[in-house]
Amino acid sequence: MKANFHIFPPLTLLLFFVSMVMGTSAYAQTASCEVYLTNDAQTAPDQIEFDICVRSTNHDDFPAGFLYGHGQYRIEFNPSIINHERDLIEVEVLKGSSELSCVDQQPLHCSFLPDTISAYLVRARFPVKPELASLIPAGNTGIRIARISMKVVSISEKTPSFFNQGTTADLRLSDQNPGTTAVSFMEKSGTVAVCKPIELSGASLSNKPLLGQ
């Protein structure tokens, strides 16, 4: 089945690793984290919502957590949730859903990746000054980066459609390029470095079969 997807304005794939000033020394402490998807639910016949969360996992060097630099999150899903060839998927960040304390670090947009029918990127925001940066806490719950909405829309009629009943969204984070899932932290010097290692998880997703019309 050929699935059609809504393509947002051309994505500037944040050349995350190229643009970052690593500036780490042999003695620098490196944050690590887990990125996970949770709280997925079908909120309407045409809509799924879920949360992207991050928690700090290097408890020895960052007992209270680490200061967020920025992050990008590649989300993949099962394209067979589309019920008709004439339908498409629209994705968005739900306004006000982020728990990041710094508004300038909260993601604003999702964009489908080129040459794929089942992956999109929740777009990163650029770093801020360390004194403004959000804290990614340690512990079991971490912090919600954003709540994401996925809707099925009829291409021709521009009206809500519905999911293919009985299918599952199979939401998952991806470490594939382009747009691999990555998170960075702010060092005391104000430079930004990539969290290593980074663990990706969807273990807390309910992944229930979707209801149709």
Protein backbone atom coordinates (compact mmCIF):
# COMPACT_ATOMS: atom_id res chain seq x y z
CA MET A 1 0.00 0.00 0.00
CA LYS A 2 1.33 3.38 -0.93
CA ALA A 3 1.06 5.76 2.01
CA ASN A 4 1.14 9.52 1.64
CA PHE A 5 2.58 11.64 4.39
CA HIS A 6 2.42 15.32 5.16
CA ILE A 7 5.78 16.94 4.43
CA PHE A 8 6.61 19.99 6.48
CA PRO A 9 8.89 22.80 5.18
CA PRO A 10 12.39 21.50 4.28
CA LEU A 11 14.12 20.22 7.35
CA THR A 12 17.42 21.73 8.33
CA LEU A 13 18.92 18.60 9.83
CA LEU A 14 20.81 20.19 12.70
CA LEU A 15 24.28 18.98 11.97
CA PHE A 16 24.35 18.28 15.61
CA PHE A 17 27.76 16.79 15.90
CA VAL A 18 29.50 19.05 13.40
CA SER A 19 28.22 22.31 14.86
CA MET A 20 28.86 21.34 18.47
CA VAL A 21 31.91 22.64 20.29
CA MET A 22 33.10 19.55 22.04
CA GLY A 23 35.87 21.14 24.09
CA THR A 24 36.24 18.17 26.43
CA SER A 25 39.47 17.27 28.16
CA ALA A 26 40.71 13.96 29.50
CA TYR A 27 39.35 14.98 32.89
CA ALA A 28 35.94 16.17 31.74
CA GLN A 29 32.83 14.49 33.10
CA THR A 30 30.46 13.16 30.48
CA ALA A 31 26.73 12.95 31.06
CA SER A 32 24.78 9.91 29.94
CA CYS A 33 21.03 9.55 29.52
CA GLU A 34 18.05 7.44 28.60
CA VAL A 35 15.52 8.69 26.06
CA TYR A 36 12.21 6.90 26.23
CA LEU A 37 8.69 7.02 24.85
CA THR A 38 5.74 6.65 27.20
CA ASN A 39 2.07 7.49 27.87
CA ASP A 40 0.89 6.56 24.38
CA ALA A 41 -2.86 6.69 23.92
CA GLN A 42 -5.41 6.89 21.15
CA THR A 43 -7.25 10.06 22.08
CA ALA A 44 -9.67 10.06 19.11
CA PRO A 45 -10.43 7.87 16.05
CA ASP A 46 -7.91 9.99 14.12
CA GLN A 47 -5.29 10.79 16.79
CA ILE A 48 -2.49 9.20 18.82
CA GLU A 49 -0.51 11.07 21.48
CA PHE A 50 2.67 10.09 23.34
CA ASP A 51 5.49 11.62 25.39
CA ILE A 52 9.22 11.88 24.72
CA CYS A 53 11.14 11.84 28.01
CA VAL A 54 14.81 12.05 28.99
CA ARG A 55 16.51 11.14 32.25
CA SER A 56 20.09 11.43 33.45
CA THR A 57 21.87 8.12 34.11
CA ASN A 58 25.41 9.14 35.19
CA HIS A 59 24.57 9.42 38.88
CA ASP A 60 28.19 9.50 40.07
CA ASP A 61 29.28 12.61 38.16
CA PHE A 62 25.83 14.24 37.85
CA PRO A 63 23.91 13.25 41.01
CA ALA A 64 21.26 15.94 40.45
CA GLY A 65 21.16 15.50 36.69
CA PHE A 66 22.70 17.56 33.89
CA LEU A 67 22.04 20.85 32.11
CA TYR A 68 20.32 20.28 28.75
CA GLY A 69 22.14 21.49 25.68
CA HIS A 70 19.74 20.40 22.98
CA GLY A 71 18.30 17.21 21.56
CA GLN A 72 16.86 15.68 18.44
CA TYR A 73 14.55 12.69 18.39
CA ARG A 74 13.94 10.44 15.43
CA ILE A 75 10.55 8.71 15.76
CA GLU A 76 9.61 5.72 13.61
CA PHE A 77 6.19 4.06 13.36
CA ASN A 78 4.25 1.38 11.54
CA PRO A 79 2.93 2.94 8.27
CA SER A 80 0.14 0.35 8.03
CA ILE A 81 -1.84 2.43 10.56
CA ILE A 82 -2.92 4.39 7.47
CA ASN A 83 -6.32 3.10 6.38
CA HIS A 84 -6.53 4.49 2.84
CA GLU A 85 -4.12 5.59 0.10
CA ARG A 86 -5.87 8.92 0.14
CA ASP A 87 -4.92 9.53 3.80
CA LEU A 88 -1.80 11.05 5.29
CA ILE A 89 -0.23 11.51 8.72
CA GLU A 90 0.29 14.92 10.30
CA VAL A 91 2.54 15.27 13.35
CA GLU A 92 2.99 18.14 15.78
CA VAL A 93 4.39 19.11 19.17
CA LEU A 94 1.49 19.89 21.50
CA LYS A 95 1.88 23.45 22.71
CA GLY A 96 2.65 23.78 26.41
CA SER A 97 3.43 20.09 26.83
CA SER A 98 7.18 20.38 27.49
CA GLU A 99 8.49 20.29 31.06
CA LEU A 100 11.79 21.91 30.08
CA SER A 101 12.05 25.02 32.27
CA CYS A 102 13.73 27.11 29.57
CA VAL A 103 11.13 28.01 26.94
CA ASP A 104 13.86 28.62 24.36
CA GLN A 105 14.88 24.95 24.58
CA GLN A 106 11.41 23.49 24.12
CA PRO A 107 10.92 21.83 20.71
CA LEU A 108 8.40 23.49 18.42
CA HIS A 109 8.08 21.38 15.29
CA CYS A 110 8.10 17.88 13.83
CA SER A 111 9.18 17.21 10.25
CA PHE A 112 9.03 14.08 8.14
CA LEU A 113 12.45 12.96 6.98
CA PRO A 114 13.25 12.83 3.25
CA ASP A 115 12.91 9.52 1.43
CA THR A 116 11.06 7.70 4.18
CA ILE A 117 7.37 7.06 4.77
CA SER A 118 7.57 6.12 8.41
CA ALA A 119 10.04 8.38 10.25
CA TYR A 120 10.03 11.97 11.42
CA LEU A 121 12.22 14.21 13.51
CA VAL A 122 11.21 16.21 16.57
CA ARG A 123 13.41 19.20 15.98
CA ALA A 124 16.07 20.42 18.36
CA ARG A 125 16.52 23.92 19.72
CA PHE A 126 19.90 25.56 19.93
CA PRO A 127 21.75 25.87 23.26
CA VAL A 128 21.28 28.75 25.66
CA LYS A 129 23.55 30.16 28.35
CA PRO A 130 24.28 27.65 31.13
CA GLU A 131 22.46 29.77 33.70
CA LEU A 132 19.29 29.51 31.58
CA ALA A 133 19.52 25.84 30.63
CA SER A 134 16.91 23.32 31.75
CA LEU A 135 17.93 20.58 34.18
CA ILE A 136 17.51 16.97 33.05
CA PRO A 137 16.98 15.23 36.40
CA ALA A 138 18.17 11.82 37.48
CA GLY A 139 15.75 9.29 38.89
CA ASN A 140 12.97 7.15 37.50
CA THR A 141 10.83 9.72 35.73
CA GLY A 142 13.25 12.21 34.18
CA ILE A 143 11.55 15.04 32.32
CA ARG A 144 9.09 15.31 29.44
CA ILE A 145 10.70 16.95 26.41
CA ALA A 146 7.35 17.18 24.60
CA ARG A 147 4.04 15.45 23.97
CA ILE A 148 3.55 14.54 20.32
CA SER A 149 0.32 14.24 18.35
CA MET A 150 -0.11 12.07 15.24
CA LYS A 151 -3.30 12.57 13.21
CA VAL A 152 -4.77 10.85 10.16
CA VAL A 153 -6.13 13.31 7.59
CA SER A 154 -7.88 12.80 4.26
CA ILE A 155 -5.75 14.37 1.52
CA SER A 156 -8.60 15.31 -0.78
CA GLU A 157 -11.11 16.47 1.79
CA LYS A 158 -8.65 17.92 4.35
CA THR A 159 -10.78 16.42 7.10
CA PRO A 160 -10.02 13.92 9.90
CA SER A 161 -9.89 10.29 8.80
CA PHE A 162 -9.33 7.23 11.01
CA PHE A 163 -6.71 4.56 11.69
CA ASN A 164 -6.59 1.07 10.24
CA GLN A 165 -8.44 -0.81 12.97
CA GLY A 166 -6.50 -3.49 14.83
CA THR A 167 -3.05 -2.28 13.76
CA THR A 168 -0.50 -1.01 16.27
CA ALA A 169 1.57 2.14 15.87
CA ASP A 170 4.82 0.42 16.95
CA LEU A 171 6.30 3.76 17.99
CA ARG A 172 10.05 3.66 18.48
CA LEU A 173 13.07 5.89 18.82
CA SER A 174 15.77 5.41 16.21
CA ASP A 175 19.55 5.71 16.12
CA GLN A 176 19.55 5.68 12.31
CA ASN A 177 20.73 8.56 10.14
CA PRO A 178 19.72 11.07 9.01
CA GLY A 179 18.48 12.68 12.19
CA THR A 180 19.68 10.08 14.66
CA THR A 181 18.31 10.48 18.18
CA ALA A 182 20.89 12.41 20.24
CA VAL A 183 21.02 14.55 23.38
CA SER A 184 23.71 16.99 24.48
CA PHE A 185 24.62 18.51 27.83
CA MET A 186 26.23 21.79 28.86
CA GLU A 187 29.63 21.72 30.52
CA LYS A 188 30.66 24.18 33.23
CA SER A 189 32.62 26.14 30.63
CA GLY A 190 29.42 26.71 28.67
CA THR A 191 30.41 24.42 25.81
CA VAL A 192 28.13 21.61 24.64
CA ALA A 193 28.98 17.91 24.40
CA VAL A 194 27.06 14.79 23.39
CA CYS A 195 25.70 12.53 26.13
CA LYS A 196 27.41 9.14 25.98
CA PRO A 197 26.17 6.52 26.24
CA ILE A 198 22.57 7.16 25.26
CA GLU A 199 19.95 4.45 25.74
CA LEU A 200 16.76 4.37 23.67
CA SER A 201 13.66 2.72 25.07
CA GLY A 202 9.98 2.21 24.37
CA ALA A 203 9.46 -0.37 27.08
CA SER A 204 6.74 1.63 28.83
CA LEU A 205 4.57 2.07 25.71
CA SER A 206 1.18 0.35 25.87
CA ASN A 207 1.10 -0.16 22.09
CA LYS A 208 -2.57 -1.16 22.10
CA PRO A 209 -4.38 -2.07 18.86
CA LEU A 210 -5.93 1.02 17.33
CA LEU A 211 -9.66 1.56 16.99
CA GLY A 212 -11.03 2.47 13.57
CA GLN A 213 -14.13 4.37 12.55
